[in-house]
Amino acid sequence: MCSAREASRLRAEHGEGFCLVTPGIRPAGSDRGDQERVVTPLDAVRQGAHYLVIGRPITQAADPLQYWRVSIMSCC
């Protein structure tokens, strides 16, 4: 588990086989909440993250499924 901001460095140090799970993922323009090191889903993937943790923004959304869809589509 690491910040997506550290993912590219860790990817370079440990290679593709090293699994990176990144919390603090927020779609562009969304509320940061209490997260200090927030990045968008696309930025996290670009920096080498394998798994994105988008917890509270989804669980607290009026329509969690739609919010999840918007988050996933922002990676494309």
PDB file of N, CA and C in Angstrom:
ATOM      1  N   MET A   1       0.864  -1.156   0.000  1.00  0.00           N
ATOM      2  CA  MET A   1       0.000   0.000   0.000  1.00  0.00           C
ATOM      3  C   MET A   1       0.913   1.222   0.000  1.00  0.00           C
ATOM      4  N   CYS A   2       0.611   2.143  -0.898  1.00  0.00           N
ATOM      5  CA  CYS A   2       1.418   3.354  -0.994  1.00  0.00           C
ATOM      6  C   CYS A   2       0.594   4.463  -1.637  1.00  0.00           C
ATOM      7  N   SER A   3       1.046   5.665  -1.460  1.00  0.00           N
ATOM      8  CA  SER A   3       0.435   6.778  -2.179  1.00  0.00           C
ATOM      9  C   SER A   3       0.716   6.600  -3.665  1.00  0.00           C
ATOM     10  N   ALA A   4      -0.236   6.970  -4.498  1.00  0.00           N
ATOM     11  CA  ALA A   4       0.001   6.906  -5.941  1.00  0.00           C
ATOM     12  C   ALA A   4       1.162   7.805  -6.335  1.00  0.00           C
ATOM     13  N   ARG A   5       1.424   8.819  -5.535  1.00  0.00           N
ATOM     14  CA  ARG A   5       2.564   9.705  -5.822  1.00  0.00           C
ATOM     15  C   ARG A   5       3.898   8.988  -5.659  1.00  0.00           C
ATOM     16  N   GLU A   6       3.917   7.872  -4.944  1.00  0.00           N
ATOM     17  CA  GLU A   6       5.137   7.089  -4.750  1.00  0.00           C
ATOM     18  C   GLU A   6       5.201   5.886  -5.690  1.00  0.00           C
ATOM     19  N   ALA A   7       4.130   5.628  -6.415  1.00  0.00           N
ATOM     20  CA  ALA A   7       4.020   4.408  -7.212  1.00  0.00           C
ATOM     21  C   ALA A   7       5.091   4.297  -8.288  1.00  0.00           C
ATOM     22  N   SER A   8       5.380   5.360  -9.005  1.00  0.00           N
ATOM     23  CA  SER A   8       6.359   5.248 -10.092  1.00  0.00           C
ATOM     24  C   SER A   8       7.747   4.923  -9.545  1.00  0.00           C
ATOM     25  N   ARG A   9       8.108   5.493  -8.409  1.00  0.00           N
ATOM     26  CA  ARG A   9       9.415   5.199  -7.796  1.00  0.00           C
ATOM     27  C   ARG A   9       9.462   3.742  -7.345  1.00  0.00           C
ATOM     28  N   LEU A  10       8.401   3.286  -6.685  1.00  0.00           N
ATOM     29  CA  LEU A  10       8.359   1.902  -6.224  1.00  0.00           C
ATOM     30  C   LEU A  10       8.333   0.923  -7.392  1.00  0.00           C
ATOM     31  N   ARG A  11       7.639   1.278  -8.460  1.00  0.00           N
ATOM     32  CA  ARG A  11       7.601   0.437  -9.662  1.00  0.00           C
ATOM     33  C   ARG A  11       9.017   0.299 -10.227  1.00  0.00           C
ATOM     34  N   ALA A  12       9.750   1.405 -10.289  1.00  0.00           N
ATOM     35  CA  ALA A  12      11.118   1.371 -10.811  1.00  0.00           C
ATOM     36  C   ALA A  12      12.037   0.543  -9.914  1.00  0.00           C
ATOM     37  N   GLU A  13      11.858   0.637  -8.615  1.00  0.00           N
ATOM     38  CA  GLU A  13      12.707  -0.087  -7.666  1.00  0.00           C
ATOM     39  C   GLU A  13      12.406  -1.575  -7.602  1.00  0.00           C
ATOM     40  N   HIS A  14      11.122  -1.948  -7.718  1.00  0.00           N
ATOM     41  CA  HIS A  14      10.721  -3.328  -7.464  1.00  0.00           C
ATOM     42  C   HIS A  14      10.179  -4.072  -8.680  1.00  0.00           C
ATOM     43  N   GLY A  15       9.982  -3.403  -9.792  1.00  0.00           N
ATOM     44  CA  GLY A  15       9.539  -4.054 -11.017  1.00  0.00           C
ATOM     45  C   GLY A  15       8.042  -4.259 -11.119  1.00  0.00           C
ATOM     46  N   GLU A  16       7.623  -4.763 -12.270  1.00  0.00           N
ATOM     47  CA  GLU A  16       6.200  -4.948 -12.580  1.00  0.00           C
ATOM     48  C   GLU A  16       5.518  -5.970 -11.676  1.00  0.00           C
ATOM     49  N   GLY A  17       6.254  -6.934 -11.176  1.00  0.00           N
ATOM     50  CA  GLY A  17       5.658  -7.980 -10.355  1.00  0.00           C
ATOM     51  C   GLY A  17       5.280  -7.534  -8.952  1.00  0.00           C
ATOM     52  N   PHE A  18       5.708  -6.349  -8.561  1.00  0.00           N
ATOM     53  CA  PHE A  18       5.428  -5.824  -7.225  1.00  0.00           C
ATOM     54  C   PHE A  18       4.067  -5.149  -7.250  1.00  0.00           C
ATOM     55  N   CYS A  19       3.120  -5.662  -6.468  1.00  0.00           N
ATOM     56  CA  CYS A  19       1.739  -5.174  -6.483  1.00  0.00           C
ATOM     57  C   CYS A  19       1.612  -3.869  -5.691  1.00  0.00           C
ATOM     58  N   LEU A  20       1.022  -2.858  -6.309  1.00  0.00           N
ATOM     59  CA  LEU A  20       0.833  -1.561  -5.670  1.00  0.00           C
ATOM     60  C   LEU A  20      -0.647  -1.255  -5.498  1.00  0.00           C
ATOM     61  N   VAL A  21      -1.055  -1.038  -4.258  1.00  0.00           N
ATOM     62  CA  VAL A  21      -2.425  -0.679  -3.904  1.00  0.00           C
ATOM     63  C   VAL A  21      -2.390   0.764  -3.430  1.00  0.00           C
ATOM     64  N   THR A  22      -3.208   1.614  -4.041  1.00  0.00           N
ATOM     65  CA  THR A  22      -3.125   3.041  -3.747  1.00  0.00           C
ATOM     66  C   THR A  22      -4.443   3.623  -3.251  1.00  0.00           C
ATOM     67  N   PRO A  23      -4.466   4.102  -2.002  1.00  0.00           N
ATOM     68  CA  PRO A  23      -5.646   4.796  -1.486  1.00  0.00           C
ATOM     69  C   PRO A  23      -5.603   6.275  -1.872  1.00  0.00           C
ATOM     70  N   GLY A  24      -6.621   7.009  -1.499  1.00  0.00           N
ATOM     71  CA  GLY A  24      -6.643   8.449  -1.759  1.00  0.00           C
ATOM     72  C   GLY A  24      -6.940   8.798  -3.197  1.00  0.00           C
ATOM     73  N   ILE A  25      -7.668   7.940  -3.877  1.00  0.00           N
ATOM     74  CA  ILE A  25      -7.990   8.175  -5.287  1.00  0.00           C
ATOM     75  C   ILE A  25      -9.320   8.925  -5.362  1.00  0.00           C
ATOM     76  N   ARG A  26      -9.311  10.025  -6.103  1.00  0.00           N
ATOM     77  CA  ARG A  26     -10.512  10.844  -6.276  1.00  0.00           C
ATOM     78  C   ARG A  26     -10.604  11.284  -7.740  1.00  0.00           C
ATOM     79  N   PRO A  27     -11.781  11.143  -8.349  1.00  0.00           N
ATOM     80  CA  PRO A  27     -11.944  11.688  -9.704  1.00  0.00           C
ATOM     81  C   PRO A  27     -11.697  13.198  -9.714  1.00  0.00           C
ATOM     82  N   ALA A  28     -11.259  13.710 -10.828  1.00  0.00           N
ATOM     83  CA  ALA A  28     -10.971  15.143 -10.963  1.00  0.00           C
ATOM     84  C   ALA A  28     -12.173  15.968 -10.539  1.00  0.00           C
ATOM     85  N   GLY A  29     -11.926  16.982  -9.748  1.00  0.00           N
ATOM     86  CA  GLY A  29     -12.970  17.897  -9.319  1.00  0.00           C
ATOM     87  C   GLY A  29     -13.753  17.449  -8.105  1.00  0.00           C
ATOM     88  N   SER A  30     -13.460  16.260  -7.577  1.00  0.00           N
ATOM     89  CA  SER A  30     -14.214  15.789  -6.413  1.00  0.00           C
ATOM     90  C   SER A  30     -13.561  16.268  -5.117  1.00  0.00           C
ATOM     91  N   ASP A  31     -14.319  16.178  -4.036  1.00  0.00           N
ATOM     92  CA  ASP A  31     -13.861  16.620  -2.726  1.00  0.00           C
ATOM     93  C   ASP A  31     -12.715  15.741  -2.237  1.00  0.00           C
ATOM     94  N   ARG A  32     -11.669  16.360  -1.704  1.00  0.00           N
ATOM     95  CA  ARG A  32     -10.511  15.627  -1.178  1.00  0.00           C
ATOM     96  C   ARG A  32     -10.814  14.928   0.134  1.00  0.00           C
ATOM     97  N   GLY A  33     -11.825  15.389   0.839  1.00  0.00           N
ATOM     98  CA  GLY A  33     -12.100  14.825   2.156  1.00  0.00           C
ATOM     99  C   GLY A  33     -10.917  15.066   3.080  1.00  0.00           C
ATOM    100  N   ASP A  34     -10.538  14.050   3.828  1.00  0.00           N
ATOM    101  CA  ASP A  34      -9.408  14.197   4.743  1.00  0.00           C
ATOM    102  C   ASP A  34      -8.107  13.660   4.148  1.00  0.00           C
ATOM    103  N   GLN A  35      -8.116  13.340   2.868  1.00  0.00           N
ATOM    104  CA  GLN A  35      -6.924  12.799   2.216  1.00  0.00           C
ATOM    105  C   GLN A  35      -5.923  13.903   1.900  1.00  0.00           C
ATOM    106  N   GLU A  36      -4.669  13.647   2.216  1.00  0.00           N
ATOM    107  CA  GLU A  36      -3.606  14.624   1.964  1.00  0.00           C
ATOM    108  C   GLU A  36      -3.002  14.483   0.571  1.00  0.00           C
ATOM    109  N   ARG A  37      -2.779  13.246   0.141  1.00  0.00           N
ATOM    110  CA  ARG A  37      -2.080  12.997  -1.119  1.00  0.00           C
ATOM    111  C   ARG A  37      -3.029  12.363  -2.114  1.00  0.00           C
ATOM    112  N   VAL A  38      -3.882  13.185  -2.689  1.00  0.00           N
ATOM    113  CA  VAL A  38      -4.939  12.731  -3.588  1.00  0.00           C
ATOM    114  C   VAL A  38      -4.455  12.789  -5.037  1.00  0.00           C
ATOM    115  N   VAL A  39      -4.812  11.764  -5.807  1.00  0.00           N
ATOM    116  CA  VAL A  39      -4.580  11.774  -7.253  1.00  0.00           C
ATOM    117  C   VAL A  39      -5.830  11.223  -7.937  1.00  0.00           C
ATOM    118  N   THR A  40      -5.956  11.488  -9.221  1.00  0.00           N
ATOM    119  CA  THR A  40      -7.090  10.967  -9.989  1.00  0.00           C
ATOM    120  C   THR A  40      -6.834   9.508 -10.346  1.00  0.00           C
ATOM    121  N   PRO A  41      -7.888   8.768 -10.691  1.00  0.00           N
ATOM    122  CA  PRO A  41      -7.693   7.374 -11.117  1.00  0.00           C
ATOM    123  C   PRO A  41      -6.710   7.262 -12.290  1.00  0.00           C
ATOM    124  N   LEU A  42      -6.839   8.129 -13.266  1.00  0.00           N
ATOM    125  CA  LEU A  42      -5.940   8.082 -14.421  1.00  0.00           C
ATOM    126  C   LEU A  42      -4.500   8.321 -14.006  1.00  0.00           C
ATOM    127  N   ASP A  43      -4.253   9.310 -13.155  1.00  0.00           N
ATOM    128  CA  ASP A  43      -2.891   9.572 -12.699  1.00  0.00           C
ATOM    129  C   ASP A  43      -2.326   8.388 -11.929  1.00  0.00           C
ATOM    130  N   ALA A  44      -3.140   7.747 -11.109  1.00  0.00           N
ATOM    131  CA  ALA A  44      -2.672   6.589 -10.338  1.00  0.00           C
ATOM    132  C   ALA A  44      -2.253   5.450 -11.271  1.00  0.00           C
ATOM    133  N   VAL A  45      -3.062   5.184 -12.282  1.00  0.00           N
ATOM    134  CA  VAL A  45      -2.727   4.129 -13.247  1.00  0.00           C
ATOM    135  C   VAL A  45      -1.468   4.510 -14.020  1.00  0.00           C
ATOM    136  N   ARG A  46      -1.379   5.733 -14.451  1.00  0.00           N
ATOM    137  CA  ARG A  46      -0.188   6.193 -15.185  1.00  0.00           C
ATOM    138  C   ARG A  46       1.077   6.073 -14.339  1.00  0.00           C
ATOM    139  N   GLN A  47       0.942   6.232 -13.039  1.00  0.00           N
ATOM    140  CA  GLN A  47       2.101   6.164 -12.156  1.00  0.00           C
ATOM    141  C   GLN A  47       2.435   4.747 -11.724  1.00  0.00           C
ATOM    142  N   GLY A  48       1.627   3.763 -12.163  1.00  0.00           N
ATOM    143  CA  GLY A  48       1.974   2.371 -11.934  1.00  0.00           C
ATOM    144  C   GLY A  48       1.142   1.613 -10.936  1.00  0.00           C
ATOM    145  N   ALA A  49       0.057   2.190 -10.441  1.00  0.00           N
ATOM    146  CA  ALA A  49      -0.788   1.500  -9.468  1.00  0.00           C
ATOM    147  C   ALA A  49      -1.522   0.325 -10.119  1.00  0.00           C
ATOM    148  N   HIS A  50      -1.642  -0.770  -9.375  1.00  0.00           N
ATOM    149  CA  HIS A  50      -2.411  -1.925  -9.833  1.00  0.00           C
ATOM    150  C   HIS A  50      -3.852  -1.858  -9.349  1.00  0.00           C
ATOM    151  N   TYR A  51      -4.026  -1.509  -8.079  1.00  0.00           N
ATOM    152  CA  TYR A  51      -5.348  -1.468  -7.464  1.00  0.00           C
ATOM    153  C   TYR A  51      -5.595  -0.087  -6.877  1.00  0.00           C
ATOM    154  N   LEU A  52      -6.762   0.480  -7.159  1.00  0.00           N
ATOM    155  CA  LEU A  52      -7.122   1.809  -6.682  1.00  0.00           C
ATOM    156  C   LEU A  52      -8.152   1.697  -5.568  1.00  0.00           C
ATOM    157  N   VAL A  53      -7.918   2.407  -4.480  1.00  0.00           N
ATOM    158  CA  VAL A  53      -8.868   2.435  -3.372  1.00  0.00           C
ATOM    159  C   VAL A  53      -9.652   3.739  -3.464  1.00  0.00           C
ATOM    160  N   ILE A  54     -10.919   3.621  -3.837  1.00  0.00           N
ATOM    161  CA  ILE A  54     -11.804   4.782  -3.969  1.00  0.00           C
ATOM    162  C   ILE A  54     -12.964   4.533  -3.009  1.00  0.00           C
ATOM    163  N   GLY A  55     -12.688   4.534  -1.732  1.00  0.00           N
ATOM    164  CA  GLY A  55     -13.662   4.123  -0.730  1.00  0.00           C
ATOM    165  C   GLY A  55     -14.805   5.083  -0.491  1.00  0.00           C
ATOM    166  N   ARG A  56     -14.584   6.058   0.385  1.00  0.00           N
ATOM    167  CA  ARG A  56     -15.662   6.960   0.792  1.00  0.00           C
ATOM    168  C   ARG A  56     -16.321   7.720  -0.341  1.00  0.00           C
ATOM    169  N   PRO A  57     -15.590   8.157  -1.368  1.00  0.00           N
ATOM    170  CA  PRO A  57     -16.290   8.850  -2.453  1.00  0.00           C
ATOM    171  C   PRO A  57     -17.378   7.988  -3.091  1.00  0.00           C
ATOM    172  N   ILE A  58     -17.160   6.677  -3.126  1.00  0.00           N
ATOM    173  CA  ILE A  58     -18.172   5.787  -3.690  1.00  0.00           C
ATOM    174  C   ILE A  58     -19.255   5.484  -2.667  1.00  0.00           C
ATOM    175  N   THR A  59     -18.853   5.084  -1.459  1.00  0.00           N
ATOM    176  CA  THR A  59     -19.853   4.674  -0.469  1.00  0.00           C
ATOM    177  C   THR A  59     -20.728   5.826   0.004  1.00  0.00           C
ATOM    178  N   GLN A  60     -20.234   7.057  -0.101  1.00  0.00           N
ATOM    179  CA  GLN A  60     -21.008   8.216   0.337  1.00  0.00           C
ATOM    180  C   GLN A  60     -21.735   8.926  -0.797  1.00  0.00           C
ATOM    181  N   ALA A  61     -21.585   8.438  -2.014  1.00  0.00           N
ATOM    182  CA  ALA A  61     -22.238   9.065  -3.170  1.00  0.00           C
ATOM    183  C   ALA A  61     -23.742   8.775  -3.150  1.00  0.00           C
ATOM    184  N   ALA A  62     -24.505   9.700  -3.703  1.00  0.00           N
ATOM    185  CA  ALA A  62     -25.955   9.494  -3.828  1.00  0.00           C
ATOM    186  C   ALA A  62     -26.246   8.267  -4.688  1.00  0.00           C
ATOM    187  N   ASP A  63     -25.437   8.066  -5.720  1.00  0.00           N
ATOM    188  CA  ASP A  63     -25.569   6.907  -6.605  1.00  0.00           C
ATOM    189  C   ASP A  63     -24.192   6.245  -6.705  1.00  0.00           C
ATOM    190  N   PRO A  64     -23.866   5.343  -5.774  1.00  0.00           N
ATOM    191  CA  PRO A  64     -22.525   4.744  -5.742  1.00  0.00           C
ATOM    192  C   PRO A  64     -22.122   4.056  -7.047  1.00  0.00           C
ATOM    193  N   LEU A  65     -23.043   3.354  -7.679  1.00  0.00           N
ATOM    194  CA  LEU A  65     -22.700   2.673  -8.927  1.00  0.00           C
ATOM    195  C   LEU A  65     -22.330   3.671 -10.016  1.00  0.00           C
ATOM    196  N   GLN A  66     -23.079   4.736 -10.139  1.00  0.00           N
ATOM    197  CA  GLN A  66     -22.758   5.760 -11.138  1.00  0.00           C
ATOM    198  C   GLN A  66     -21.426   6.417 -10.836  1.00  0.00           C
ATOM    199  N   TYR A  67     -21.154   6.699  -9.574  1.00  0.00           N
ATOM    200  CA  TYR A  67     -19.877   7.312  -9.195  1.00  0.00           C
ATOM    201  C   TYR A  67     -18.728   6.376  -9.541  1.00  0.00           C
ATOM    202  N   TRP A  68     -18.919   5.084  -9.284  1.00  0.00           N
ATOM    203  CA  TRP A  68     -17.889   4.107  -9.627  1.00  0.00           C
ATOM    204  C   TRP A  68     -17.647   4.101 -11.137  1.00  0.00           C
ATOM    205  N   ARG A  69     -18.739   4.122 -11.923  1.00  0.00           N
ATOM    206  CA  ARG A  69     -18.610   4.142 -13.372  1.00  0.00           C
ATOM    207  C   ARG A  69     -17.825   5.368 -13.841  1.00  0.00           C
ATOM    208  N   VAL A  70     -18.143   6.531 -13.296  1.00  0.00           N
ATOM    209  CA  VAL A  70     -17.425   7.758 -13.677  1.00  0.00           C
ATOM    210  C   VAL A  70     -15.948   7.632 -13.305  1.00  0.00           C
ATOM    211  N   SER A  71     -15.671   7.078 -12.150  1.00  0.00           N
ATOM    212  CA  SER A  71     -14.278   6.894 -11.719  1.00  0.00           C
ATOM    213  C   SER A  71     -13.524   5.983 -12.665  1.00  0.00           C
ATOM    214  N   ILE A  72     -14.135   4.866 -13.036  1.00  0.00           N
ATOM    215  CA  ILE A  72     -13.486   3.905 -13.933  1.00  0.00           C
ATOM    216  C   ILE A  72     -13.303   4.500 -15.330  1.00  0.00           C
ATOM    217  N   MET A  73     -14.327   5.173 -15.821  1.00  0.00           N
ATOM    218  CA  MET A  73     -14.232   5.761 -17.155  1.00  0.00           C
ATOM    219  C   MET A  73     -13.183   6.859 -17.223  1.00  0.00           C
ATOM    220  N   SER A  74     -12.875   7.475 -16.108  1.00  0.00           N
ATOM    221  CA  SER A  74     -11.864   8.537 -16.124  1.00  0.00           C
ATOM    222  C   SER A  74     -10.472   7.959 -16.349  1.00  0.00           C
ATOM    223  N   CYS A  75     -10.320   6.640 -16.269  1.00  0.00           N
ATOM    224  CA  CYS A  75      -9.026   5.991 -16.535  1.00  0.00           C
ATOM    225  C   CYS A  75      -8.819   5.722 -18.016  1.00  0.00           C
ATOM    226  N   CYS A  76      -9.867   5.835 -18.797  1.00  0.00           N
ATOM    227  CA  CYS A  76      -9.788   5.489 -20.227  1.00  0.00           C
ATOM    228  C   CYS A  76      -9.423   6.679 -21.080  1.00  0.00           C
TER     229      CYS A  76
END
